[in-house]
Amino acid sequence: MKKTILITGSTDGIGLETAKMLLTQGHHVLLHGRNPAKLADAEKTLSALAQGEPVESYIADLSSMADVDALAKAVAEKHAHLDVLINNAGVFKTPKPITQDGLDVRFAVNTLAPFLLTQKLMPLLGASSRVVNLSSAAQAPVVLEALAGRAM
């Protein structure tokens, strides 16, 4: 049975490999990335595996809660139902540890963004839908001052 599946962070690594596997199984995969060039490359690569099915892609920087909201709205504009949401996007090393909103970037991307995106997409998720949250032990400690809302 063909499913509609959104995978955040699907331009490389686990997200890209998961997208490849799901596409070869005939599912409709919605790609997400923050880098337009990497997202375009992933879409091109995956279109060859899509068995004639169009591959959709969405650009959003999950360190920005406004972008998370915009991503959810963009997906909801095109889809009335989502079978699976895979919250895969994550950040480990970054030259800017604090977001424009004054949050620790790792906490924003790895914790707040998946929570907010899931909440915003709840109207698209039915009783048989699934949400998969991935995490990594490689995450460096957060900046406690930013976590407390006191940007550095």
N, C-alpha and C. Protein backbone atom coordinates (compact mmCIF):
# COMPACT_ATOMS: atom_id res chain seq x y z
N MET A 1 0.84 -1.18 0.00
CA MET A 1 0.00 0.00 0.00
C MET A 1 0.89 1.25 0.00
N LYS A 2 0.69 2.10 -0.96
CA LYS A 2 1.49 3.31 -1.11
C LYS A 2 1.18 4.30 0.01
N LYS A 3 2.25 4.83 0.61
CA LYS A 3 2.10 5.80 1.69
C LYS A 3 2.77 7.12 1.32
N THR A 4 2.27 8.20 1.91
CA THR A 4 2.88 9.51 1.76
C THR A 4 3.71 9.75 3.01
N ILE A 5 5.02 10.00 2.79
CA ILE A 5 5.98 10.04 3.89
C ILE A 5 6.83 11.30 3.79
N LEU A 6 6.86 12.10 4.85
CA LEU A 6 7.73 13.27 4.93
C LEU A 6 8.95 12.91 5.76
N ILE A 7 10.14 13.15 5.18
CA ILE A 7 11.39 12.88 5.89
C ILE A 7 12.16 14.19 6.02
N THR A 8 12.32 14.66 7.24
CA THR A 8 13.14 15.87 7.43
C THR A 8 14.61 15.46 7.35
N GLY A 9 15.44 16.39 6.91
CA GLY A 9 16.87 16.10 6.80
C GLY A 9 17.15 14.98 5.82
N SER A 10 16.56 15.07 4.64
CA SER A 10 16.69 13.97 3.68
C SER A 10 17.64 14.27 2.52
N THR A 11 18.60 15.17 2.75
CA THR A 11 19.55 15.49 1.67
C THR A 11 20.82 14.67 1.75
N ASP A 12 21.05 13.98 2.87
CA ASP A 12 22.22 13.11 2.99
C ASP A 12 22.02 12.16 4.16
N GLY A 13 22.98 11.29 4.38
CA GLY A 13 22.97 10.40 5.53
C GLY A 13 21.76 9.48 5.61
N ILE A 14 21.30 9.26 6.83
CA ILE A 14 20.19 8.35 7.09
C ILE A 14 18.93 8.79 6.35
N GLY A 15 18.68 10.11 6.31
CA GLY A 15 17.48 10.61 5.64
C GLY A 15 17.46 10.30 4.16
N LEU A 16 18.58 10.52 3.49
CA LEU A 16 18.66 10.24 2.05
C LEU A 16 18.55 8.74 1.78
N GLU A 17 19.23 7.94 2.57
CA GLU A 17 19.17 6.49 2.38
C GLU A 17 17.76 5.95 2.64
N THR A 18 17.08 6.51 3.63
CA THR A 18 15.70 6.12 3.92
C THR A 18 14.79 6.50 2.76
N ALA A 19 14.98 7.70 2.23
CA ALA A 19 14.19 8.15 1.08
C ALA A 19 14.40 7.22 -0.11
N LYS A 20 15.63 6.83 -0.38
CA LYS A 20 15.93 5.91 -1.48
C LYS A 20 15.16 4.60 -1.31
N MET A 21 15.25 4.03 -0.12
CA MET A 21 14.59 2.76 0.14
C MET A 21 13.08 2.86 -0.02
N LEU A 22 12.50 3.91 0.54
CA LEU A 22 11.04 4.07 0.48
C LEU A 22 10.56 4.32 -0.94
N LEU A 23 11.33 5.08 -1.71
CA LEU A 23 10.96 5.32 -3.11
C LEU A 23 10.99 4.04 -3.92
N THR A 24 11.99 3.21 -3.71
CA THR A 24 12.07 1.95 -4.46
C THR A 24 10.94 1.00 -4.08
N GLN A 25 10.33 1.22 -2.92
CA GLN A 25 9.18 0.43 -2.50
C GLN A 25 7.86 1.00 -3.02
N GLY A 26 7.95 2.14 -3.74
CA GLY A 26 6.77 2.72 -4.36
C GLY A 26 6.02 3.76 -3.55
N HIS A 27 6.60 4.22 -2.47
CA HIS A 27 5.94 5.23 -1.64
C HIS A 27 6.17 6.63 -2.20
N HIS A 28 5.27 7.55 -1.82
CA HIS A 28 5.39 8.96 -2.21
C HIS A 28 6.17 9.66 -1.09
N VAL A 29 7.39 10.07 -1.41
CA VAL A 29 8.28 10.64 -0.41
C VAL A 29 8.40 12.15 -0.59
N LEU A 30 8.24 12.87 0.52
CA LEU A 30 8.40 14.32 0.55
C LEU A 30 9.74 14.60 1.20
N LEU A 31 10.63 15.22 0.46
CA LEU A 31 11.97 15.52 0.94
C LEU A 31 12.01 16.86 1.66
N HIS A 32 12.91 16.98 2.60
CA HIS A 32 13.14 18.25 3.27
C HIS A 32 14.64 18.47 3.41
N GLY A 33 15.05 19.73 3.27
CA GLY A 33 16.43 20.12 3.52
C GLY A 33 16.50 21.61 3.77
N ARG A 34 17.62 22.07 4.31
CA ARG A 34 17.78 23.51 4.54
C ARG A 34 18.66 24.15 3.49
N ASN A 35 19.45 23.34 2.79
CA ASN A 35 20.36 23.85 1.77
C ASN A 35 19.74 23.62 0.39
N PRO A 36 19.38 24.69 -0.32
CA PRO A 36 18.71 24.53 -1.62
C PRO A 36 19.49 23.69 -2.63
N ALA A 37 20.80 23.86 -2.68
CA ALA A 37 21.60 23.10 -3.65
C ALA A 37 21.62 21.61 -3.31
N LYS A 38 21.82 21.29 -2.03
CA LYS A 38 21.81 19.89 -1.61
C LYS A 38 20.44 19.26 -1.82
N LEU A 39 19.38 20.04 -1.57
CA LEU A 39 18.03 19.54 -1.76
C LEU A 39 17.76 19.26 -3.23
N ALA A 40 18.20 20.16 -4.11
CA ALA A 40 18.02 19.95 -5.55
C ALA A 40 18.79 18.72 -6.02
N ASP A 41 20.01 18.52 -5.50
CA ASP A 41 20.79 17.33 -5.86
C ASP A 41 20.09 16.05 -5.40
N ALA A 42 19.57 16.07 -4.18
CA ALA A 42 18.86 14.90 -3.65
C ALA A 42 17.61 14.61 -4.47
N GLU A 43 16.88 15.66 -4.81
CA GLU A 43 15.66 15.49 -5.61
C GLU A 43 16.00 14.89 -6.98
N LYS A 44 17.07 15.35 -7.59
CA LYS A 44 17.49 14.83 -8.90
C LYS A 44 17.87 13.35 -8.78
N THR A 45 18.67 13.03 -7.78
CA THR A 45 19.09 11.65 -7.57
C THR A 45 17.90 10.73 -7.32
N LEU A 46 16.98 11.19 -6.48
CA LEU A 46 15.85 10.36 -6.09
C LEU A 46 14.79 10.26 -7.17
N SER A 47 14.70 11.26 -8.02
CA SER A 47 13.72 11.21 -9.11
C SER A 47 13.97 10.01 -10.02
N ALA A 48 15.22 9.62 -10.15
CA ALA A 48 15.56 8.46 -10.98
C ALA A 48 15.03 7.16 -10.37
N LEU A 49 14.83 7.13 -9.06
CA LEU A 49 14.34 5.94 -8.37
C LEU A 49 12.83 5.95 -8.16
N ALA A 50 12.19 7.05 -8.49
CA ALA A 50 10.80 7.28 -8.09
C ALA A 50 9.75 6.55 -8.92
N GLN A 51 10.15 5.77 -9.89
CA GLN A 51 9.22 4.98 -10.70
C GLN A 51 8.10 5.83 -11.28
N GLY A 52 8.47 6.99 -11.81
CA GLY A 52 7.50 7.87 -12.44
C GLY A 52 6.73 8.77 -11.50
N GLU A 53 6.89 8.55 -10.22
CA GLU A 53 6.20 9.36 -9.20
C GLU A 53 6.99 10.66 -9.00
N PRO A 54 6.32 11.80 -9.00
CA PRO A 54 7.07 13.05 -8.76
C PRO A 54 7.61 13.08 -7.33
N VAL A 55 8.82 13.61 -7.19
CA VAL A 55 9.44 13.76 -5.88
C VAL A 55 9.27 15.22 -5.47
N GLU A 56 8.67 15.43 -4.33
CA GLU A 56 8.47 16.79 -3.82
C GLU A 56 9.57 17.14 -2.84
N SER A 57 9.95 18.40 -2.83
CA SER A 57 10.95 18.83 -1.85
C SER A 57 10.53 20.15 -1.23
N TYR A 58 10.95 20.31 0.01
CA TYR A 58 10.61 21.49 0.81
C TYR A 58 11.87 22.03 1.48
N ILE A 59 12.07 23.33 1.36
CA ILE A 59 13.22 23.98 2.00
C ILE A 59 12.76 24.64 3.30
N ALA A 60 13.48 24.36 4.37
CA ALA A 60 13.21 25.01 5.66
C ALA A 60 14.42 24.84 6.56
N ASP A 61 14.75 25.89 7.28
CA ASP A 61 15.81 25.85 8.27
C ASP A 61 15.15 25.56 9.61
N LEU A 62 15.31 24.35 10.12
CA LEU A 62 14.60 23.95 11.33
C LEU A 62 15.15 24.59 12.60
N SER A 63 16.17 25.43 12.48
CA SER A 63 16.60 26.20 13.64
C SER A 63 15.71 27.42 13.84
N SER A 64 14.87 27.70 12.84
CA SER A 64 13.92 28.80 12.91
C SER A 64 12.51 28.24 13.07
N MET A 65 11.86 28.57 14.17
CA MET A 65 10.52 28.05 14.40
C MET A 65 9.53 28.61 13.37
N ALA A 66 9.82 29.79 12.82
CA ALA A 66 8.99 30.34 11.74
C ALA A 66 9.10 29.46 10.49
N ASP A 67 10.30 28.95 10.21
CA ASP A 67 10.48 28.04 9.08
C ASP A 67 9.78 26.71 9.32
N VAL A 68 9.79 26.23 10.55
CA VAL A 68 9.08 24.99 10.89
C VAL A 68 7.60 25.17 10.60
N ASP A 69 7.06 26.29 11.04
CA ASP A 69 5.65 26.60 10.80
C ASP A 69 5.36 26.68 9.30
N ALA A 70 6.23 27.34 8.56
CA ALA A 70 6.05 27.47 7.11
C ALA A 70 6.13 26.11 6.42
N LEU A 71 7.01 25.23 6.88
CA LEU A 71 7.12 23.88 6.32
C LEU A 71 5.81 23.12 6.52
N ALA A 72 5.28 23.17 7.72
CA ALA A 72 4.02 22.48 8.00
C ALA A 72 2.90 23.02 7.12
N LYS A 73 2.84 24.33 6.97
CA LYS A 73 1.80 24.93 6.12
C LYS A 73 1.97 24.53 4.67
N ALA A 74 3.20 24.49 4.18
CA ALA A 74 3.45 24.11 2.78
C ALA A 74 3.04 22.66 2.52
N VAL A 75 3.34 21.78 3.45
CA VAL A 75 2.95 20.38 3.30
C VAL A 75 1.42 20.26 3.35
N ALA A 76 0.79 20.96 4.27
CA ALA A 76 -0.67 20.90 4.42
C ALA A 76 -1.40 21.48 3.22
N GLU A 77 -0.79 22.44 2.53
CA GLU A 77 -1.41 23.00 1.33
C GLU A 77 -1.50 21.99 0.20
N LYS A 78 -0.58 21.04 0.16
CA LYS A 78 -0.55 20.05 -0.93
C LYS A 78 -1.12 18.69 -0.55
N HIS A 79 -1.23 18.43 0.76
CA HIS A 79 -1.63 17.10 1.20
C HIS A 79 -2.70 17.18 2.29
N ALA A 80 -3.73 16.37 2.12
CA ALA A 80 -4.79 16.29 3.13
C ALA A 80 -4.48 15.22 4.17
N HIS A 81 -3.54 14.33 3.82
CA HIS A 81 -3.21 13.22 4.71
C HIS A 81 -1.72 12.91 4.62
N LEU A 82 -1.14 12.55 5.74
CA LEU A 82 0.25 12.14 5.82
C LEU A 82 0.28 10.81 6.58
N ASP A 83 0.88 9.80 5.94
CA ASP A 83 0.94 8.48 6.58
C ASP A 83 2.07 8.36 7.58
N VAL A 84 3.21 8.97 7.24
CA VAL A 84 4.38 8.87 8.11
C VAL A 84 5.12 10.20 8.11
N LEU A 85 5.52 10.64 9.30
CA LEU A 85 6.42 11.77 9.47
C LEU A 85 7.68 11.22 10.12
N ILE A 86 8.82 11.36 9.43
CA ILE A 86 10.09 10.93 9.99
C ILE A 86 10.89 12.18 10.34
N ASN A 87 10.98 12.46 11.63
CA ASN A 87 11.76 13.60 12.13
C ASN A 87 13.21 13.14 12.23
N ASN A 88 13.95 13.33 11.15
CA ASN A 88 15.31 12.86 11.04
C ASN A 88 16.34 13.99 11.14
N ALA A 89 15.96 15.20 10.75
CA ALA A 89 16.92 16.32 10.72
C ALA A 89 17.56 16.52 12.08
N GLY A 90 18.84 16.80 12.06
CA GLY A 90 19.55 17.06 13.30
C GLY A 90 20.81 17.84 13.03
N VAL A 91 21.34 18.42 14.06
CA VAL A 91 22.58 19.18 13.93
C VAL A 91 23.51 18.74 15.04
N PHE A 92 24.79 18.65 14.69
CA PHE A 92 25.81 18.28 15.67
C PHE A 92 26.80 19.41 15.83
N LYS A 93 27.62 19.63 14.82
CA LYS A 93 28.59 20.72 14.86
C LYS A 93 28.07 21.89 14.04
N THR A 94 28.27 23.06 14.56
CA THR A 94 27.84 24.26 13.86
C THR A 94 28.70 25.44 14.29
N PRO A 95 29.05 26.31 13.35
CA PRO A 95 29.83 27.49 13.73
C PRO A 95 29.02 28.51 14.52
N LYS A 96 27.67 28.43 14.41
CA LYS A 96 26.80 29.36 15.13
C LYS A 96 25.94 28.55 16.10
N PRO A 97 26.34 28.45 17.37
CA PRO A 97 25.59 27.62 18.32
C PRO A 97 24.28 28.23 18.81
N ILE A 98 24.05 29.51 18.50
CA ILE A 98 22.83 30.19 18.95
C ILE A 98 22.02 30.61 17.73
N THR A 99 20.71 30.34 17.74
CA THR A 99 19.84 30.72 16.62
C THR A 99 19.53 32.21 16.66
N GLN A 100 18.90 32.71 15.60
CA GLN A 100 18.48 34.12 15.57
C GLN A 100 17.45 34.41 16.66
N ASP A 101 16.75 33.36 17.11
CA ASP A 101 15.76 33.51 18.17
C ASP A 101 16.39 33.45 19.56
N GLY A 102 17.74 33.27 19.62
CA GLY A 102 18.43 33.21 20.90
C GLY A 102 18.39 31.84 21.56
N LEU A 103 18.12 30.80 20.78
CA LEU A 103 18.05 29.44 21.32
C LEU A 103 19.32 28.67 20.98
N ASP A 104 19.63 27.66 21.77
CA ASP A 104 20.71 26.76 21.42
C ASP A 104 20.30 26.03 20.14
N VAL A 105 21.13 26.08 19.11
CA VAL A 105 20.76 25.53 17.81
C VAL A 105 20.51 24.03 17.87
N ARG A 106 21.29 23.30 18.66
CA ARG A 106 21.07 21.85 18.75
C ARG A 106 19.73 21.54 19.40
N PHE A 107 19.39 22.28 20.45
CA PHE A 107 18.11 22.06 21.11
C PHE A 107 16.95 22.46 20.19
N ALA A 108 17.11 23.55 19.46
CA ALA A 108 16.07 24.01 18.54
C ALA A 108 15.81 22.99 17.44
N VAL A 109 16.88 22.53 16.79
CA VAL A 109 16.73 21.62 15.64
C VAL A 109 16.39 20.20 16.09
N ASN A 110 17.05 19.72 17.13
CA ASN A 110 16.92 18.32 17.52
C ASN A 110 15.73 18.03 18.42
N THR A 111 15.19 19.07 19.09
CA THR A 111 14.10 18.85 20.04
C THR A 111 12.88 19.69 19.74
N LEU A 112 13.04 21.01 19.71
CA LEU A 112 11.88 21.88 19.50
C LEU A 112 11.25 21.72 18.12
N ALA A 113 12.07 21.70 17.07
CA ALA A 113 11.54 21.62 15.71
C ALA A 113 10.72 20.35 15.47
N PRO A 114 11.22 19.16 15.86
CA PRO A 114 10.39 17.97 15.64
C PRO A 114 9.07 18.02 16.41
N PHE A 115 9.12 18.54 17.63
CA PHE A 115 7.89 18.67 18.42
C PHE A 115 6.90 19.61 17.73
N LEU A 116 7.38 20.79 17.35
CA LEU A 116 6.50 21.78 16.72
C LEU A 116 5.97 21.27 15.38
N LEU A 117 6.84 20.68 14.56
CA LEU A 117 6.40 20.16 13.26
C LEU A 117 5.34 19.09 13.43
N THR A 118 5.56 18.19 14.37
CA THR A 118 4.57 17.13 14.63
C THR A 118 3.24 17.74 15.07
N GLN A 119 3.29 18.71 15.97
CA GLN A 119 2.07 19.37 16.43
C GLN A 119 1.32 20.03 15.27
N LYS A 120 2.06 20.74 14.42
CA LYS A 120 1.45 21.46 13.30
C LYS A 120 0.87 20.50 12.25
N LEU A 121 1.45 19.31 12.12
CA LEU A 121 0.99 18.34 11.12
C LEU A 121 -0.05 17.36 11.66
N MET A 122 -0.39 17.46 12.94
CA MET A 122 -1.38 16.55 13.54
C MET A 122 -2.68 16.45 12.75
N PRO A 123 -3.20 17.54 12.19
CA PRO A 123 -4.44 17.41 11.42
C PRO A 123 -4.32 16.50 10.19
N LEU A 124 -3.09 16.27 9.71
CA LEU A 124 -2.88 15.41 8.55
C LEU A 124 -2.65 13.96 8.94
N LEU A 125 -2.39 13.71 10.22
CA LEU A 125 -2.07 12.38 10.69
C LEU A 125 -3.34 11.67 11.17
N GLY A 126 -3.60 10.50 10.59
CA GLY A 126 -4.77 9.73 10.97
C GLY A 126 -4.44 8.69 12.03
N ALA A 127 -5.43 7.87 12.35
CA ALA A 127 -5.27 6.84 13.38
C ALA A 127 -4.17 5.84 13.04
N SER A 128 -3.96 5.58 11.76
CA SER A 128 -2.94 4.61 11.35
C SER A 128 -1.62 5.27 10.97
N SER A 129 -1.54 6.60 11.06
CA SER A 129 -0.30 7.31 10.73
C SER A 129 0.74 7.07 11.82
N ARG A 130 1.99 7.28 11.45
CA ARG A 130 3.08 7.08 12.40
C ARG A 130 4.03 8.27 12.38
N VAL A 131 4.61 8.57 13.54
CA VAL A 131 5.65 9.57 13.68
C VAL A 131 6.88 8.84 14.19
N VAL A 132 7.99 9.01 13.46
CA VAL A 132 9.25 8.38 13.84
C VAL A 132 10.23 9.49 14.17
N ASN A 133 10.77 9.48 15.39
CA ASN A 133 11.75 10.47 15.83
C ASN A 133 13.11 9.80 15.96
N LEU A 134 14.09 10.34 15.24
CA LEU A 134 15.45 9.83 15.33
C LEU A 134 16.28 10.77 16.19
N SER A 135 17.27 10.21 16.85
CA SER A 135 18.18 11.03 17.63
C SER A 135 19.55 10.39 17.57
N SER A 136 20.53 11.11 18.10
CA SER A 136 21.90 10.63 18.03
C SER A 136 22.61 10.88 19.34
N ALA A 137 23.41 9.92 19.73
CA ALA A 137 24.24 10.09 20.92
C ALA A 137 25.40 11.04 20.65
N ALA A 138 25.58 11.43 19.39
CA ALA A 138 26.69 12.32 19.02
C ALA A 138 26.42 13.78 19.34
N GLN A 139 25.22 14.10 19.78
CA GLN A 139 24.89 15.51 20.04
C GLN A 139 25.76 16.06 21.17
N ALA A 140 26.37 17.20 20.90
CA ALA A 140 27.18 17.86 21.92
C ALA A 140 26.26 18.50 22.96
N PRO A 141 26.76 18.78 24.12
CA PRO A 141 25.93 19.44 25.14
C PRO A 141 25.39 20.78 24.62
N VAL A 142 24.21 21.11 25.06
CA VAL A 142 23.60 22.38 24.67
C VAL A 142 24.24 23.52 25.45
N VAL A 143 24.04 24.73 24.98
CA VAL A 143 24.50 25.92 25.68
C VAL A 143 23.41 26.27 26.70
N LEU A 144 23.70 26.07 27.97
CA LEU A 144 22.68 26.23 29.01
C LEU A 144 22.11 27.63 29.08
N GLU A 145 22.91 28.66 28.83
CA GLU A 145 22.41 30.02 28.85
C GLU A 145 21.35 30.22 27.75
N ALA A 146 21.60 29.67 26.57
CA ALA A 146 20.63 29.78 25.48
C ALA A 146 19.39 28.95 25.78
N LEU A 147 19.59 27.80 26.38
CA LEU A 147 18.47 26.94 26.74
C LEU A 147 17.54 27.66 27.73
N ALA A 148 18.13 28.47 28.59
CA ALA A 148 17.37 29.23 29.58
C ALA A 148 16.81 30.52 29.00
N GLY A 149 17.06 30.77 27.70
CA GLY A 149 16.52 31.97 27.07
C GLY A 149 17.38 33.20 27.24
N ARG A 150 18.60 33.01 27.68
CA ARG A 150 19.53 34.13 27.85
C ARG A 150 20.62 33.99 26.81
N ALA A 151 20.35 34.52 25.61
CA ALA A 151 21.30 34.40 24.50
C ALA A 151 22.63 35.02 24.88
N MET A 152 23.67 34.44 24.34
CA MET A 152 25.02 34.91 24.65
C MET A 152 25.43 36.00 23.70
